[in-house]
Amino acid sequence: MIIHQREVQYSHDYEEFFKVLIEAKEHLEKKFPEVSVEIMYNLAGSRGWATIQTRYPGLADYERIDAEMDKDEEYCKLLESIMGAEGEPPVDQFFRVIQSD
């Protein structure tokens, strides 16, 4: 399993920001039921950043789905309004889950 984690800065209008993230999550999970998305924000430490954690069955699945979503006009339009809106670029991380045999 591959986890892609993206941290995105948000502003005082966080209600609209979170609403758009939920819409994007629902769109992605509807189009690709094998993918799960969690949207979180930090309760301690650095505030003003949302974390979007997306789980894919494997790296090839991530690459295929990411390429398809880059071409999805509805999805891109949703995210366009919030990604990098505060001037700070998103921070991405990738993880491979350690699984027992």
PDB file of N, CA and C in Angstrom:
ATOM      1  N   MET A   1       0.844  -1.172   0.000  1.00  0.00           N
ATOM      2  CA  MET A   1       0.000   0.000   0.000  1.00  0.00           C
ATOM      3  C   MET A   1       0.893   1.241   0.000  1.00  0.00           C
ATOM      4  N   ILE A   2       0.456   2.237  -0.767  1.00  0.00           N
ATOM      5  CA  ILE A   2       1.163   3.517  -0.861  1.00  0.00           C
ATOM      6  C   ILE A   2       0.286   4.597  -0.235  1.00  0.00           C
ATOM      7  N   ILE A   3       0.889   5.456   0.566  1.00  0.00           N
ATOM      8  CA  ILE A   3       0.178   6.598   1.142  1.00  0.00           C
ATOM      9  C   ILE A   3       0.818   7.871   0.597  1.00  0.00           C
ATOM     10  N   HIS A   4      -0.005   8.696   0.005  1.00  0.00           N
ATOM     11  CA  HIS A   4       0.431  10.027  -0.426  1.00  0.00           C
ATOM     12  C   HIS A   4      -0.157  11.002   0.580  1.00  0.00           C
ATOM     13  N   GLN A   5       0.694  11.828   1.149  1.00  0.00           N
ATOM     14  CA  GLN A   5       0.239  12.802   2.141  1.00  0.00           C
ATOM     15  C   GLN A   5       0.599  14.196   1.653  1.00  0.00           C
ATOM     16  N   ARG A   6      -0.392  15.066   1.594  1.00  0.00           N
ATOM     17  CA  ARG A   6      -0.185  16.447   1.147  1.00  0.00           C
ATOM     18  C   ARG A   6      -0.658  17.393   2.236  1.00  0.00           C
ATOM     19  N   GLU A   7       0.198  18.336   2.591  1.00  0.00           N
ATOM     20  CA  GLU A   7      -0.174  19.374   3.550  1.00  0.00           C
ATOM     21  C   GLU A   7      -0.392  20.667   2.781  1.00  0.00           C
ATOM     22  N   VAL A   8      -1.553  21.288   3.017  1.00  0.00           N
ATOM     23  CA  VAL A   8      -1.944  22.499   2.306  1.00  0.00           C
ATOM     24  C   VAL A   8      -2.322  23.561   3.329  1.00  0.00           C
ATOM     25  N   GLN A   9      -1.779  24.748   3.154  1.00  0.00           N
ATOM     26  CA  GLN A   9      -2.077  25.846   4.074  1.00  0.00           C
ATOM     27  C   GLN A   9      -3.468  26.405   3.793  1.00  0.00           C
ATOM     28  N   TYR A  10      -4.174  26.777   4.855  1.00  0.00           N
ATOM     29  CA  TYR A  10      -5.485  27.407   4.698  1.00  0.00           C
ATOM     30  C   TYR A  10      -5.533  28.711   5.487  1.00  0.00           C
ATOM     31  N   SER A  11      -6.562  29.517   5.171  1.00  0.00           N
ATOM     32  CA  SER A  11      -6.674  30.842   5.774  1.00  0.00           C
ATOM     33  C   SER A  11      -7.839  30.897   6.755  1.00  0.00           C
ATOM     34  N   HIS A  12      -8.256  32.102   7.058  1.00  0.00           N
ATOM     35  CA  HIS A  12      -9.371  32.308   7.977  1.00  0.00           C
ATOM     36  C   HIS A  12     -10.683  31.756   7.427  1.00  0.00           C
ATOM     37  N   ASP A  13     -10.802  31.659   6.110  1.00  0.00           N
ATOM     38  CA  ASP A  13     -12.017  31.120   5.493  1.00  0.00           C
ATOM     39  C   ASP A  13     -11.921  29.591   5.417  1.00  0.00           C
ATOM     40  N   TYR A  14     -11.589  28.994   6.551  1.00  0.00           N
ATOM     41  CA  TYR A  14     -11.352  27.551   6.572  1.00  0.00           C
ATOM     42  C   TYR A  14     -12.609  26.730   6.320  1.00  0.00           C
ATOM     43  N   GLU A  15     -13.781  27.247   6.625  1.00  0.00           N
ATOM     44  CA  GLU A  15     -15.005  26.481   6.377  1.00  0.00           C
ATOM     45  C   GLU A  15     -15.177  26.195   4.890  1.00  0.00           C
ATOM     46  N   GLU A  16     -14.964  27.188   4.046  1.00  0.00           N
ATOM     47  CA  GLU A  16     -15.049  26.993   2.596  1.00  0.00           C
ATOM     48  C   GLU A  16     -13.931  26.069   2.122  1.00  0.00           C
ATOM     49  N   PHE A  17     -12.740  26.238   2.671  1.00  0.00           N
ATOM     50  CA  PHE A  17     -11.594  25.402   2.334  1.00  0.00           C
ATOM     51  C   PHE A  17     -11.906  23.927   2.616  1.00  0.00           C
ATOM     52  N   PHE A  18     -12.407  23.633   3.825  1.00  0.00           N
ATOM     53  CA  PHE A  18     -12.734  22.256   4.193  1.00  0.00           C
ATOM     54  C   PHE A  18     -13.885  21.714   3.353  1.00  0.00           C
ATOM     55  N   LYS A  19     -14.854  22.565   3.021  1.00  0.00           N
ATOM     56  CA  LYS A  19     -15.974  22.145   2.170  1.00  0.00           C
ATOM     57  C   LYS A  19     -15.467  21.671   0.805  1.00  0.00           C
ATOM     58  N   VAL A  20     -14.539  22.424   0.218  1.00  0.00           N
ATOM     59  CA  VAL A  20     -13.977  22.046  -1.082  1.00  0.00           C
ATOM     60  C   VAL A  20     -13.189  20.745  -0.961  1.00  0.00           C
ATOM     61  N   LEU A  21     -12.413  20.588   0.110  1.00  0.00           N
ATOM     62  CA  LEU A  21     -11.666  19.341   0.304  1.00  0.00           C
ATOM     63  C   LEU A  21     -12.598  18.138   0.404  1.00  0.00           C
ATOM     64  N   ILE A  22     -13.713  18.292   1.098  1.00  0.00           N
ATOM     65  CA  ILE A  22     -14.684  17.189   1.229  1.00  0.00           C
ATOM     66  C   ILE A  22     -15.274  16.853  -0.139  1.00  0.00           C
ATOM     67  N   GLU A  23     -15.605  17.873  -0.937  1.00  0.00           N
ATOM     68  CA  GLU A  23     -16.145  17.634  -2.282  1.00  0.00           C
ATOM     69  C   GLU A  23     -15.123  16.904  -3.153  1.00  0.00           C
ATOM     70  N   ALA A  24     -13.860  17.306  -3.072  1.00  0.00           N
ATOM     71  CA  ALA A  24     -12.806  16.651  -3.850  1.00  0.00           C
ATOM     72  C   ALA A  24     -12.618  15.203  -3.387  1.00  0.00           C
ATOM     73  N   LYS A  25     -12.658  14.980  -2.088  1.00  0.00           N
ATOM     74  CA  LYS A  25     -12.548  13.617  -1.525  1.00  0.00           C
ATOM     75  C   LYS A  25     -13.665  12.730  -2.057  1.00  0.00           C
ATOM     76  N   GLU A  26     -14.898  13.217  -2.002  1.00  0.00           N
ATOM     77  CA  GLU A  26     -16.043  12.436  -2.467  1.00  0.00           C
ATOM     78  C   GLU A  26     -15.945  12.135  -3.961  1.00  0.00           C
ATOM     79  N   HIS A  27     -15.487  13.106  -4.733  1.00  0.00           N
ATOM     80  CA  HIS A  27     -15.338  12.912  -6.182  1.00  0.00           C
ATOM     81  C   HIS A  27     -14.300  11.831  -6.469  1.00  0.00           C
ATOM     82  N   LEU A  28     -13.149  11.917  -5.816  1.00  0.00           N
ATOM     83  CA  LEU A  28     -12.074  10.947  -6.033  1.00  0.00           C
ATOM     84  C   LEU A  28     -12.495   9.546  -5.605  1.00  0.00           C
ATOM     85  N   GLU A  29     -13.114   9.412  -4.436  1.00  0.00           N
ATOM     86  CA  GLU A  29     -13.516   8.087  -3.948  1.00  0.00           C
ATOM     87  C   GLU A  29     -14.651   7.489  -4.778  1.00  0.00           C
ATOM     88  N   LYS A  30     -15.494   8.329  -5.342  1.00  0.00           N
ATOM     89  CA  LYS A  30     -16.569   7.823  -6.204  1.00  0.00           C
ATOM     90  C   LYS A  30     -15.987   7.298  -7.510  1.00  0.00           C
ATOM     91  N   LYS A  31     -15.046   8.028  -8.071  1.00  0.00           N
ATOM     92  CA  LYS A  31     -14.447   7.648  -9.345  1.00  0.00           C
ATOM     93  C   LYS A  31     -13.509   6.452  -9.191  1.00  0.00           C
ATOM     94  N   PHE A  32     -12.836   6.364  -8.049  1.00  0.00           N
ATOM     95  CA  PHE A  32     -11.873   5.289  -7.783  1.00  0.00           C
ATOM     96  C   PHE A  32     -12.158   4.684  -6.408  1.00  0.00           C
ATOM     97  N   PRO A  33     -13.093   3.733  -6.325  1.00  0.00           N
ATOM     98  CA  PRO A  33     -13.466   3.164  -5.020  1.00  0.00           C
ATOM     99  C   PRO A  33     -12.325   2.444  -4.289  1.00  0.00           C
ATOM    100  N   GLU A  34     -11.270   2.102  -5.005  1.00  0.00           N
ATOM    101  CA  GLU A  34     -10.139   1.429  -4.357  1.00  0.00           C
ATOM    102  C   GLU A  34      -9.248   2.399  -3.579  1.00  0.00           C
ATOM    103  N   VAL A  35      -9.528   3.684  -3.689  1.00  0.00           N
ATOM    104  CA  VAL A  35      -8.741   4.715  -3.022  1.00  0.00           C
ATOM    105  C   VAL A  35      -9.515   5.233  -1.812  1.00  0.00           C
ATOM    106  N   SER A  36      -8.806   5.473  -0.712  1.00  0.00           N
ATOM    107  CA  SER A  36      -9.439   6.102   0.450  1.00  0.00           C
ATOM    108  C   SER A  36      -8.708   7.395   0.775  1.00  0.00           C
ATOM    109  N   VAL A  37      -9.467   8.390   1.197  1.00  0.00           N
ATOM    110  CA  VAL A  37      -8.919   9.712   1.482  1.00  0.00           C
ATOM    111  C   VAL A  37      -9.331  10.127   2.890  1.00  0.00           C
ATOM    112  N   GLU A  38      -8.365  10.627   3.661  1.00  0.00           N
ATOM    113  CA  GLU A  38      -8.633  11.200   4.978  1.00  0.00           C
ATOM    114  C   GLU A  38      -8.201  12.655   4.940  1.00  0.00           C
ATOM    115  N   ILE A  39      -9.039  13.528   5.470  1.00  0.00           N
ATOM    116  CA  ILE A  39      -8.726  14.948   5.552  1.00  0.00           C
ATOM    117  C   ILE A  39      -8.647  15.307   7.034  1.00  0.00           C
ATOM    118  N   MET A  40      -7.528  15.921   7.418  1.00  0.00           N
ATOM    119  CA  MET A  40      -7.289  16.201   8.830  1.00  0.00           C
ATOM    120  C   MET A  40      -6.705  17.602   8.992  1.00  0.00           C
ATOM    121  N   TYR A  41      -6.788  18.106  10.222  1.00  0.00           N
ATOM    122  CA  TYR A  41      -6.026  19.302  10.574  1.00  0.00           C
ATOM    123  C   TYR A  41      -5.437  19.090  11.953  1.00  0.00           C
ATOM    124  N   ASN A  42      -4.331  19.759  12.187  1.00  0.00           N
ATOM    125  CA  ASN A  42      -3.557  19.579  13.401  1.00  0.00           C
ATOM    126  C   ASN A  42      -4.226  20.294  14.576  1.00  0.00           C
ATOM    127  N   LEU A  43      -4.370  19.610  15.699  1.00  0.00           N
ATOM    128  CA  LEU A  43      -4.949  20.202  16.903  1.00  0.00           C
ATOM    129  C   LEU A  43      -3.887  20.817  17.810  1.00  0.00           C
ATOM    130  N   ALA A  44      -2.625  20.511  17.533  1.00  0.00           N
ATOM    131  CA  ALA A  44      -1.524  21.055  18.324  1.00  0.00           C
ATOM    132  C   ALA A  44      -0.385  21.387  17.378  1.00  0.00           C
ATOM    133  N   GLY A  45       0.548  22.178  17.845  1.00  0.00           N
ATOM    134  CA  GLY A  45       1.694  22.498  17.000  1.00  0.00           C
ATOM    135  C   GLY A  45       1.341  23.512  15.924  1.00  0.00           C
ATOM    136  N   SER A  46       1.858  23.290  14.733  1.00  0.00           N
ATOM    137  CA  SER A  46       1.689  24.224  13.617  1.00  0.00           C
ATOM    138  C   SER A  46       0.241  24.225  13.130  1.00  0.00           C
ATOM    139  N   ARG A  47      -0.428  25.359  13.274  1.00  0.00           N
ATOM    140  CA  ARG A  47      -1.825  25.494  12.849  1.00  0.00           C
ATOM    141  C   ARG A  47      -1.889  26.080  11.451  1.00  0.00           C
ATOM    142  N   GLY A  48      -3.056  25.976  10.822  1.00  0.00           N
ATOM    143  CA  GLY A  48      -3.259  26.575   9.514  1.00  0.00           C
ATOM    144  C   GLY A  48      -2.891  25.679   8.351  1.00  0.00           C
ATOM    145  N   TRP A  49      -2.663  24.405   8.629  1.00  0.00           N
ATOM    146  CA  TRP A  49      -2.339  23.442   7.585  1.00  0.00           C
ATOM    147  C   TRP A  49      -3.293  22.263   7.672  1.00  0.00           C
ATOM    148  N   ALA A  50      -3.860  21.886   6.530  1.00  0.00           N
ATOM    149  CA  ALA A  50      -4.688  20.681   6.441  1.00  0.00           C
ATOM    150  C   ALA A  50      -3.828  19.568   5.852  1.00  0.00           C
ATOM    151  N   THR A  51      -4.075  18.358   6.295  1.00  0.00           N
ATOM    152  CA  THR A  51      -3.371  17.190   5.767  1.00  0.00           C
ATOM    153  C   THR A  51      -4.370  16.330   5.018  1.00  0.00           C
ATOM    154  N   ILE A  52      -4.029  16.009   3.785  1.00  0.00           N
ATOM    155  CA  ILE A  52      -4.843  15.134   2.945  1.00  0.00           C
ATOM    156  C   ILE A  52      -4.037  13.857   2.771  1.00  0.00           C
ATOM    157  N   GLN A  53      -4.544  12.768   3.318  1.00  0.00           N
ATOM    158  CA  GLN A  53      -3.828  11.500   3.251  1.00  0.00           C
ATOM    159  C   GLN A  53      -4.627  10.546   2.363  1.00  0.00           C
ATOM    160  N   THR A  54      -4.004  10.122   1.269  1.00  0.00           N
ATOM    161  CA  THR A  54      -4.670   9.277   0.285  1.00  0.00           C
ATOM    162  C   THR A  54      -3.952   7.937   0.219  1.00  0.00           C
ATOM    163  N   ARG A  55      -4.731   6.852   0.282  1.00  0.00           N
ATOM    164  CA  ARG A  55      -4.162   5.499   0.279  1.00  0.00           C
ATOM    165  C   ARG A  55      -4.493   4.802  -1.033  1.00  0.00           C
ATOM    166  N   TYR A  56      -3.451   4.232  -1.640  1.00  0.00           N
ATOM    167  CA  TYR A  56      -3.565   3.532  -2.922  1.00  0.00           C
ATOM    168  C   TYR A  56      -3.090   2.092  -2.739  1.00  0.00           C
ATOM    169  N   PRO A  57      -3.653   1.144  -3.484  1.00  0.00           N
ATOM    170  CA  PRO A  57      -3.207  -0.241  -3.365  1.00  0.00           C
ATOM    171  C   PRO A  57      -1.714  -0.424  -3.666  1.00  0.00           C
ATOM    172  N   GLY A  58      -1.182   0.324  -4.637  1.00  0.00           N
ATOM    173  CA  GLY A  58       0.231   0.212  -4.997  1.00  0.00           C
ATOM    174  C   GLY A  58       0.696   1.452  -5.739  1.00  0.00           C
ATOM    175  N   LEU A  59       2.005   1.518  -5.999  1.00  0.00           N
ATOM    176  CA  LEU A  59       2.582   2.680  -6.660  1.00  0.00           C
ATOM    177  C   LEU A  59       2.050   2.855  -8.079  1.00  0.00           C
ATOM    178  N   ALA A  60       1.877   1.772  -8.813  1.00  0.00           N
ATOM    179  CA  ALA A  60       1.327   1.859 -10.180  1.00  0.00           C
ATOM    180  C   ALA A  60      -0.089   2.426 -10.149  1.00  0.00           C
ATOM    181  N   ASP A  61      -0.859   2.060  -9.128  1.00  0.00           N
ATOM    182  CA  ASP A  61      -2.220   2.601  -8.983  1.00  0.00           C
ATOM    183  C   ASP A  61      -2.155   4.108  -8.750  1.00  0.00           C
ATOM    184  N   TYR A  62      -1.232   4.544  -7.878  1.00  0.00           N
ATOM    185  CA  TYR A  62      -1.073   5.977  -7.634  1.00  0.00           C
ATOM    186  C   TYR A  62      -0.766   6.705  -8.938  1.00  0.00           C
ATOM    187  N   GLU A  63       0.207   6.214  -9.689  1.00  0.00           N
ATOM    188  CA  GLU A  63       0.622   6.878 -10.928  1.00  0.00           C
ATOM    189  C   GLU A  63      -0.523   6.949 -11.932  1.00  0.00           C
ATOM    190  N   ARG A  64      -1.268   5.874 -12.095  1.00  0.00           N
ATOM    191  CA  ARG A  64      -2.391   5.836 -13.038  1.00  0.00           C
ATOM    192  C   ARG A  64      -3.488   6.811 -12.610  1.00  0.00           C
ATOM    193  N   ILE A  65      -3.875   6.744 -11.350  1.00  0.00           N
ATOM    194  CA  ILE A  65      -4.961   7.584 -10.850  1.00  0.00           C
ATOM    195  C   ILE A  65      -4.558   9.054 -10.837  1.00  0.00           C
ATOM    196  N   ASP A  66      -3.321   9.337 -10.438  1.00  0.00           N
ATOM    197  CA  ASP A  66      -2.843  10.720 -10.427  1.00  0.00           C
ATOM    198  C   ASP A  66      -2.892  11.315 -11.838  1.00  0.00           C
ATOM    199  N   ALA A  67      -2.476  10.544 -12.835  1.00  0.00           N
ATOM    200  CA  ALA A  67      -2.509  11.018 -14.227  1.00  0.00           C
ATOM    201  C   ALA A  67      -3.945  11.266 -14.684  1.00  0.00           C
ATOM    202  N   GLU A  68      -4.855  10.376 -14.318  1.00  0.00           N
ATOM    203  CA  GLU A  68      -6.267  10.546 -14.691  1.00  0.00           C
ATOM    204  C   GLU A  68      -6.882  11.760 -14.002  1.00  0.00           C
ATOM    205  N   MET A  69      -6.543  11.977 -12.739  1.00  0.00           N
ATOM    206  CA  MET A  69      -7.119  13.103 -12.008  1.00  0.00           C
ATOM    207  C   MET A  69      -6.576  14.438 -12.522  1.00  0.00           C
ATOM    208  N   ASP A  70      -5.348  14.445 -13.036  1.00  0.00           N
ATOM    209  CA  ASP A  70      -4.804  15.663 -13.640  1.00  0.00           C
ATOM    210  C   ASP A  70      -5.609  16.086 -14.861  1.00  0.00           C
ATOM    211  N   LYS A  71      -6.293  15.138 -15.496  1.00  0.00           N
ATOM    212  CA  LYS A  71      -7.108  15.417 -16.685  1.00  0.00           C
ATOM    213  C   LYS A  71      -8.585  15.625 -16.348  1.00  0.00           C
ATOM    214  N   ASP A  72      -8.965  15.400 -15.095  1.00  0.00           N
ATOM    215  CA  ASP A  72     -10.362  15.503 -14.669  1.00  0.00           C
ATOM    216  C   ASP A  72     -10.700  16.969 -14.412  1.00  0.00           C
ATOM    217  N   GLU A  73     -11.444  17.583 -15.323  1.00  0.00           N
ATOM    218  CA  GLU A  73     -11.742  19.017 -15.239  1.00  0.00           C
ATOM    219  C   GLU A  73     -12.495  19.395 -13.973  1.00  0.00           C
ATOM    220  N   GLU A  74     -13.465  18.584 -13.564  1.00  0.00           N
ATOM    221  CA  GLU A  74     -14.248  18.888 -12.357  1.00  0.00           C
ATOM    222  C   GLU A  74     -13.353  18.892 -11.115  1.00  0.00           C
ATOM    223  N   TYR A  75     -12.512  17.881 -11.000  1.00  0.00           N
ATOM    224  CA  TYR A  75     -11.602  17.758  -9.858  1.00  0.00           C
ATOM    225  C   TYR A  75     -10.602  18.917  -9.835  1.00  0.00           C
ATOM    226  N   CYS A  76     -10.010  19.223 -10.981  1.00  0.00           N
ATOM    227  CA  CYS A  76      -9.032  20.312 -11.060  1.00  0.00           C
ATOM    228  C   CYS A  76      -9.667  21.653 -10.719  1.00  0.00           C
ATOM    229  N   LYS A  77     -10.888  21.857 -11.167  1.00  0.00           N
ATOM    230  CA  LYS A  77     -11.577  23.116 -10.882  1.00  0.00           C
ATOM    231  C   LYS A  77     -11.848  23.255  -9.381  1.00  0.00           C
ATOM    232  N   LEU A  78     -12.225  22.151  -8.741  1.00  0.00           N
ATOM    233  CA  LEU A  78     -12.451  22.173  -7.292  1.00  0.00           C
ATOM    234  C   LEU A  78     -11.184  22.594  -6.552  1.00  0.00           C
ATOM    235  N   LEU A  79     -10.079  21.932  -6.864  1.00  0.00           N
ATOM    236  CA  LEU A  79      -8.840  22.165  -6.129  1.00  0.00           C
ATOM    237  C   LEU A  79      -8.160  23.473  -6.491  1.00  0.00           C
ATOM    238  N   GLU A  80      -8.411  23.962  -7.691  1.00  0.00           N
ATOM    239  CA  GLU A  80      -7.779  25.199  -8.151  1.00  0.00           C
ATOM    240  C   GLU A  80      -8.022  26.365  -7.196  1.00  0.00           C
ATOM    241  N   SER A  81      -9.209  26.413  -6.626  1.00  0.00           N
ATOM    242  CA  SER A  81      -9.573  27.538  -5.765  1.00  0.00           C
ATOM    243  C   SER A  81      -8.870  27.536  -4.408  1.00  0.00           C
ATOM    244  N   ILE A  82      -8.282  26.406  -4.012  1.00  0.00           N
ATOM    245  CA  ILE A  82      -7.696  26.343  -2.668  1.00  0.00           C
ATOM    246  C   ILE A  82      -6.218  25.984  -2.633  1.00  0.00           C
ATOM    247  N   MET A  83      -5.695  25.324  -3.629  1.00  0.00           N
ATOM    248  CA  MET A  83      -4.299  24.886  -3.588  1.00  0.00           C
ATOM    249  C   MET A  83      -3.360  26.072  -3.734  1.00  0.00           C
ATOM    250  N   GLY A  84      -2.542  26.279  -2.724  1.00  0.00           N
ATOM    251  CA  GLY A  84      -1.569  27.352  -2.764  1.00  0.00           C
ATOM    252  C   GLY A  84      -2.176  28.740  -2.626  1.00  0.00           C
ATOM    253  N   ALA A  85      -3.421  28.811  -2.153  1.00  0.00           N
ATOM    254  CA  ALA A  85      -4.109  30.096  -2.050  1.00  0.00           C
ATOM    255  C   ALA A  85      -3.409  31.038  -1.077  1.00  0.00           C
ATOM    256  N   GLU A  86      -2.693  30.511  -0.117  1.00  0.00           N
ATOM    257  CA  GLU A  86      -2.021  31.338   0.892  1.00  0.00           C
ATOM    258  C   GLU A  86      -0.578  31.643   0.523  1.00  0.00           C
ATOM    259  N   GLY A  87      -0.162  31.247  -0.645  1.00  0.00           N
ATOM    260  CA  GLY A  87       1.196  31.557  -1.071  1.00  0.00           C
ATOM    261  C   GLY A  87       2.217  30.493  -0.742  1.00  0.00           C
ATOM    262  N   GLU A  88       1.919  29.627   0.191  1.00  0.00           N
ATOM    263  CA  GLU A  88       2.839  28.542   0.532  1.00  0.00           C
ATOM    264  C   GLU A  88       2.511  27.330  -0.338  1.00  0.00           C
ATOM    265  N   PRO A  89       3.501  26.759  -1.003  1.00  0.00           N
ATOM    266  CA  PRO A  89       3.227  25.578  -1.826  1.00  0.00           C
ATOM    267  C   PRO A  89       2.882  24.374  -0.950  1.00  0.00           C
ATOM    268  N   PRO A  90       2.069  23.462  -1.471  1.00  0.00           N
ATOM    269  CA  PRO A  90       1.764  22.240  -0.725  1.00  0.00           C
ATOM    270  C   PRO A  90       3.043  21.436  -0.466  1.00  0.00           C
ATOM    271  N   VAL A  91       3.041  20.670   0.609  1.00  0.00           N
ATOM    272  CA  VAL A  91       4.164  19.806   0.964  1.00  0.00           C
ATOM    273  C   VAL A  91       3.697  18.366   0.787  1.00  0.00           C
ATOM    274  N   ASP A  92       4.408  17.610  -0.063  1.00  0.00           N
ATOM    275  CA  ASP A  92       4.035  16.224  -0.354  1.00  0.00           C
ATOM    276  C   ASP A  92       5.011  15.247   0.282  1.00  0.00           C
ATOM    277  N   GLN A  93       4.461  14.109   0.701  1.00  0.00           N
ATOM    278  CA  GLN A  93       5.261  12.994   1.204  1.00  0.00           C
ATOM    279  C   GLN A  93       4.644  11.703   0.675  1.00  0.00           C
ATOM    280  N   PHE A  94       5.486  10.700   0.458  1.00  0.00           N
ATOM    281  CA  PHE A  94       5.025   9.382   0.030  1.00  0.00           C
ATOM    282  C   PHE A  94       5.547   8.350   1.005  1.00  0.00           C
ATOM    283  N   PHE A  95       4.694   7.374   1.313  1.00  0.00           N
ATOM    284  CA  PHE A  95       5.058   6.303   2.235  1.00  0.00           C
ATOM    285  C   PHE A  95       4.645   4.969   1.633  1.00  0.00           C
ATOM    286  N   ARG A  96       5.456   3.951   1.867  1.00  0.00           N
ATOM    287  CA  ARG A  96       5.065   2.575   1.565  1.00  0.00           C
ATOM    288  C   ARG A  96       4.783   1.925   2.916  1.00  0.00           C
ATOM    289  N   VAL A  97       3.611   1.332   3.054  1.00  0.00           N
ATOM    290  CA  VAL A  97       3.199   0.717   4.305  1.00  0.00           C
ATOM    291  C   VAL A  97       3.939  -0.615   4.490  1.00  0.00           C
ATOM    292  N   ILE A  98       4.456  -0.815   5.687  1.00  0.00           N
ATOM    293  CA  ILE A  98       5.128  -2.081   6.022  1.00  0.00           C
ATOM    294  C   ILE A  98       4.040  -3.051   6.445  1.00  0.00           C
ATOM    295  N   GLN A  99       3.993  -4.183   5.750  1.00  0.00           N
ATOM    296  CA  GLN A  99       2.957  -5.178   6.039  1.00  0.00           C
ATOM    297  C   GLN A  99       3.606  -6.502   6.407  1.00  0.00           C
ATOM    298  N   SER A 100       2.954  -7.214   7.304  1.00  0.00           N
ATOM    299  CA  SER A 100       3.452  -8.547   7.640  1.00  0.00           C
ATOM    300  C   SER A 100       2.982  -9.546   6.593  1.00  0.00           C
ATOM    301  N   ASP A 101       3.774 -10.576   6.396  1.00  0.00           N
ATOM    302  CA  ASP A 101       3.411 -11.606   5.402  1.00  0.00           C
ATOM    303  C   ASP A 101       2.447 -12.608   5.944  1.00  0.00           C
TER     304      ASP A 101
END
